Protein backbone atom coordinates (compact mmCIF):
# COMPACT_ATOMS: atom_id res chain seq x y z
CA MET A 1 245.14 -9.40 111.16
CA GLN A 2 243.32 -12.22 109.19
CA ARG A 3 244.07 -15.32 109.74
CA ASN A 4 242.03 -19.11 108.72
CA GLY A 5 239.90 -20.64 111.28
CA GLY A 6 239.64 -19.55 114.59
CA MET A 7 237.30 -17.44 116.15
CA THR A 8 235.70 -13.92 115.07
CA ASN A 9 235.76 -11.18 116.54
CA ASP A 10 231.91 -11.30 116.80
CA LYS A 11 231.93 -14.72 118.45
CA LEU A 12 234.08 -13.34 121.01
CA LYS A 13 231.99 -10.26 121.53
CA ILE A 14 228.70 -12.96 121.72
CA ILE A 15 230.94 -15.12 124.77
CA ALA A 16 232.26 -11.91 126.37
CA ALA A 17 228.37 -10.71 126.40
CA ALA A 18 227.18 -14.32 127.82
CA ALA A 19 229.70 -14.15 130.29
CA MET A 20 229.06 -10.52 131.23
CA LEU A 21 225.02 -11.24 131.81
CA ILE A 22 226.33 -14.42 133.86
CA ASP A 23 228.24 -12.12 136.10
CA HIS A 24 225.54 -9.55 136.83
CA ILE A 25 223.18 -11.96 137.58
CA GLY A 26 225.43 -13.68 139.90
CA ALA A 27 226.01 -9.87 141.59
CA TYR A 28 222.72 -9.03 141.46
CA LEU A 29 220.72 -11.48 141.83
CA LEU A 30 222.31 -14.78 142.91
CA PRO A 31 225.50 -13.27 145.18
CA SER A 32 225.81 -16.89 146.89
CA VAL A 33 226.71 -18.46 143.77
CA MET A 34 230.37 -17.58 142.92
CA PHE A 35 230.47 -19.73 140.16
CA LEU A 36 229.13 -17.19 138.52
CA ARG A 37 231.24 -14.67 139.25
CA MET A 38 234.16 -17.14 138.13
CA ILE A 39 233.23 -17.17 134.78
CA GLY A 40 231.44 -13.84 134.14
CA ARG A 41 235.76 -12.71 134.59
CA ILE A 42 236.43 -14.02 131.35
CA ALA A 43 234.36 -10.46 130.42
CA PHE A 44 236.70 -7.63 130.82
CA PRO A 45 239.68 -9.24 129.08
CA VAL A 46 237.85 -10.23 126.00
CA PHE A 47 236.25 -6.47 125.40
CA ALA A 48 239.05 -4.87 126.40
CA PHE A 49 240.84 -6.63 123.43
CA MET A 50 238.38 -6.07 121.50
CA ILE A 51 237.89 -2.18 122.04
CA ALA A 52 241.50 -1.72 121.43
CA GLU A 53 241.03 -4.35 118.11
CA GLY A 54 238.00 -1.55 117.05
CA CYS A 55 240.56 1.55 118.25
CA GLU A 56 243.51 -0.20 115.43
CA HIS A 57 240.70 -1.26 112.71
CA THR A 58 238.06 1.78 112.88
CA GLU A 59 238.08 4.25 109.77
CA ASN A 60 236.04 6.70 111.93
CA LYS A 61 237.77 7.66 114.67
CA LYS A 62 235.72 10.83 115.86
CA LYS A 63 232.33 7.86 115.19
CA TYR A 64 233.78 5.31 116.99
CA PHE A 65 234.68 7.71 120.55
CA ARG A 66 230.97 9.13 120.16
CA ASN A 67 229.65 5.80 120.24
CA ILE A 68 231.57 5.04 123.28
CA PHE A 69 230.78 7.97 124.98
CA VAL A 70 227.19 7.90 124.27
CA LEU A 71 226.98 4.05 125.92
CA ALA A 72 229.09 5.04 128.78
CA LEU A 73 226.96 8.56 129.06
CA LEU A 74 223.87 5.97 128.92
CA CYS A 75 224.95 3.27 131.36
CA GLN A 76 225.85 5.92 133.96
CA VAL A 77 222.19 6.93 133.77
CA VAL A 78 220.55 3.64 133.89
CA PHE A 79 223.36 2.85 136.79
CA TYR A 80 222.14 5.90 138.73
CA HIS A 81 218.69 5.70 138.06
CA PHE A 82 218.89 2.03 139.59
CA LYS A 83 221.66 2.30 142.29
CA PRO A 84 223.14 5.12 144.56
CA PRO A 85 225.95 6.64 142.23
CA THR A 86 228.90 4.95 143.93
CA HIS A 87 231.48 4.31 140.82
CA MET A 88 231.79 5.00 137.73
CA ARG A 89 230.74 1.71 134.82
CA ILE A 90 232.87 -0.34 132.57
CA PRO A 91 232.32 1.43 129.66
CA VAL A 92 233.73 4.58 131.36
CA THR A 93 236.84 2.38 132.04
CA PHE A 94 236.31 2.12 127.79
CA LEU A 95 236.10 6.00 127.37
CA ILE A 96 239.03 6.88 128.92
CA SER A 97 241.23 3.60 127.06
CA VAL A 98 240.07 5.01 124.26
CA THR A 99 241.59 8.58 124.43
CA VAL A 100 244.40 7.18 125.41
CA ILE A 101 244.60 4.67 122.84
CA PHE A 102 244.37 7.84 120.24
CA LEU A 103 246.80 9.90 121.87
CA LEU A 104 248.94 6.69 121.50
CA GLN A 105 248.90 6.44 117.82
CA ASN A 106 249.36 9.92 117.27
CA CYS A 107 252.25 9.74 118.97
CA ALA A 108 253.59 6.71 117.46
CA ALA A 109 253.12 7.46 113.96
CA LYS A 110 255.74 10.44 115.06
CA ILE A 111 257.96 7.97 117.03
CA TYR A 112 258.28 5.58 114.64
CA GLY A 113 257.93 7.56 111.11
CA GLU A 114 260.37 10.44 109.87
CA SER A 115 259.76 13.16 112.44
CA SER A 116 262.82 14.90 114.42
CA ARG A 117 264.25 13.95 117.53
CA ALA A 118 262.72 16.69 119.54
CA GLU A 119 259.28 15.32 117.78
CA LYS A 120 259.40 11.96 119.43
CA ALA A 121 260.51 13.26 122.69
CA VAL A 122 257.30 15.12 122.83
CA SER A 123 255.65 12.55 121.65
CA VAL A 124 256.77 10.42 124.57
CA LEU A 125 256.30 12.65 126.88
CA ILE A 126 252.64 13.18 125.93
CA LEU A 127 252.30 9.48 126.81
CA LEU A 128 253.81 9.49 129.79
CA LEU A 129 251.28 12.53 130.93
CA ALA A 130 248.55 11.37 129.36
CA VAL A 131 249.46 7.80 131.76
CA LEU A 132 249.83 10.03 134.61
CA ALA A 133 246.65 12.14 133.70
CA VAL A 134 244.83 8.09 133.98
CA ALA A 135 246.43 7.63 137.42
CA TRP A 136 245.13 10.66 138.29
CA ILE A 137 241.30 10.68 137.63
CA ASN A 138 241.11 7.38 139.09
CA GLU A 139 242.15 8.88 142.15
CA ILE A 140 239.00 11.23 142.07
CA LEU A 141 236.69 9.36 140.97
CA VAL A 142 235.79 5.47 141.73
CA ILE A 143 235.98 4.01 138.18
CA ASP A 144 235.59 0.30 137.45
CA TYR A 145 238.53 -2.30 137.30
CA GLY A 146 240.57 1.14 138.44
CA PHE A 147 244.24 2.05 136.87
CA TRP A 148 245.17 -1.14 135.38
CA GLY A 149 241.30 -1.48 134.21
CA CYS A 150 241.97 1.74 132.08
CA MET A 151 245.09 0.87 130.58
CA THR A 152 244.10 -2.76 129.95
CA PRO A 153 243.25 -2.10 126.55
CA VAL A 154 245.94 0.36 126.00
CA MET A 155 248.28 -2.02 126.87
CA VAL A 156 246.75 -4.53 124.13
CA SER A 157 247.43 -1.51 121.82
CA ALA A 158 250.40 -0.73 122.64
CA GLY A 159 251.39 -4.43 121.72
CA TYR A 160 251.40 -3.44 118.29
CA TYR A 161 253.72 -1.25 118.36
CA LEU A 162 256.60 -3.29 120.27
CA GLY A 163 259.82 -3.12 119.22
CA GLY A 164 259.60 -0.73 116.93
CA THR A 165 257.69 -3.44 114.18
CA ALA A 166 254.21 -1.69 114.39
CA GLY A 167 252.07 -3.76 112.31
CA LYS A 168 255.59 -5.16 109.76
CA ASP A 169 255.63 -8.81 111.83
CA SER A 170 253.91 -11.42 111.63
CA GLU A 171 250.63 -11.81 112.02
CA GLU A 172 250.46 -14.38 115.00
CA ASN A 173 253.71 -12.50 116.48
CA ILE A 174 251.13 -9.56 116.79
CA LEU A 175 248.74 -11.57 118.22
CA TYR A 176 250.67 -12.75 121.01
CA ARG A 177 252.64 -9.78 121.65
CA LYS A 178 248.79 -8.20 122.32
CA ILE A 179 247.89 -11.26 124.56
CA GLY A 180 251.28 -11.15 126.10
CA MET A 181 250.17 -7.43 127.04
CA LEU A 182 246.79 -8.28 128.28
CA ALA A 183 247.91 -11.23 130.62
CA THR A 184 250.63 -8.10 132.03
CA ALA A 185 247.77 -6.02 132.79
CA LEU A 186 245.39 -8.54 133.74
CA ILE A 187 248.28 -9.22 136.46
CA PHE A 188 248.00 -6.37 137.54
CA VAL A 189 244.57 -6.44 138.40
CA TYR A 190 244.83 -9.40 140.26
CA LYS A 191 247.22 -8.01 141.90
CA VAL A 192 245.32 -4.88 143.33
CA TYR A 193 241.72 -6.93 143.25
CA GLY A 194 242.78 -10.31 144.27
CA GLY A 195 240.12 -12.78 144.54
CA VAL A 196 237.79 -14.25 141.39
CA GLN A 197 239.79 -11.82 139.15
CA ILE A 198 242.55 -14.60 138.87
CA TYR A 199 239.85 -16.44 136.45
CA ALA A 200 240.37 -13.52 133.75
CA PHE A 201 242.64 -15.62 132.56
CA LEU A 202 240.56 -17.78 131.30
CA SER A 203 239.95 -15.32 128.73
CA ILE A 204 243.77 -15.88 126.96
CA PRO A 205 242.76 -19.28 125.52
CA LEU A 206 240.09 -17.78 123.43
CA LEU A 207 241.88 -15.11 122.24
CA ALA A 208 244.78 -16.93 121.38
CA MET A 209 242.32 -18.58 118.72
CA TYR A 210 241.24 -15.25 117.10
CA ASN A 211 241.27 -14.62 113.51
CA GLY A 212 241.03 -10.88 113.04
CA ARG A 213 237.85 -11.76 111.31
CA ARG A 214 234.24 -9.47 111.98
CA GLU A 215 231.32 -12.39 110.81
CA ASN A 216 228.20 -9.34 111.30
CA ILE A 217 226.11 -12.30 113.36
CA VAL A 218 224.62 -9.55 115.61
CA PRO A 219 223.19 -6.12 114.21
CA LYS A 220 226.40 -3.43 114.62
CA TYR A 221 224.85 -1.77 117.51
CA PHE A 222 224.22 -4.65 119.30
CA PHE A 223 226.57 -5.16 121.91
CA TYR A 224 226.39 -0.84 122.63
CA VAL A 225 222.55 -1.69 123.37
CA PHE A 226 222.97 -4.43 125.08
CA TYR A 227 224.88 -3.14 128.29
CA PRO A 228 222.76 -0.72 129.25
CA VAL A 229 219.77 -2.79 128.33
CA HIS A 230 220.44 -6.14 130.56
CA LEU A 231 221.52 -3.84 133.48
CA ALA A 232 218.09 -1.87 133.88
CA VAL A 233 216.38 -5.80 133.14
CA ILE A 234 218.38 -7.24 135.79
CA TYR A 235 218.41 -3.91 138.22
CA GLY A 236 214.46 -3.54 137.60
CA ILE A 237 214.67 -8.03 138.75
CA GLN A 238 216.13 -7.30 141.50
CA ILE A 239 213.37 -4.40 142.45
CA ILE A 240 210.86 -7.01 141.81
CA LEU A 241 212.57 -9.35 144.14
CA LYS A 242 213.01 -7.24 146.78
């Protein structure tokens, strides 16, 4: 998807990173300033959308999965070092999402391809089992944003295949289907968590400006490093203040 004007992948992720930083400052350093948490709600849906985009456009799925896995592991180490081990952080949420999206892509290739009816039926069954597995994992582990958080990037990715078009539709229609699926997922997230989660919908106008381009404003691995580093700094400041 390449459109003129609008906002690039990097610009959207920089906005999301800034919102996440503001959110965590509000959560751990200034908990009484609710406005910071409101701004922070923009981060999750933008990153969830970009996770789906990354899975769609990556040239090396194994490397992409490995990067998310290492990020999730590193963040849990940082989190457990400074905080009691209460739950899995958002990179773990996205690690589950990436796993299901790659499975979705493989199954969709058979469902929309020249496969037999039996193979199509098996692919649909595999996807249903994958969704049930995500639900089960969220029953035994406390994961950021829960089941619907894990499924948000998956639903965005599914928007690519809706109606059997599998990318054959116009760029605008594909984008709006993806945003529609994101909005649907956010409704369920809000239904579960309520409160400030309503402000996550502020991400919709931003994503509507997405032009499908990467601008390389920051180094390739900046966003992988930013999450654990900014958490460590904030936790360190919190410890000093106490």
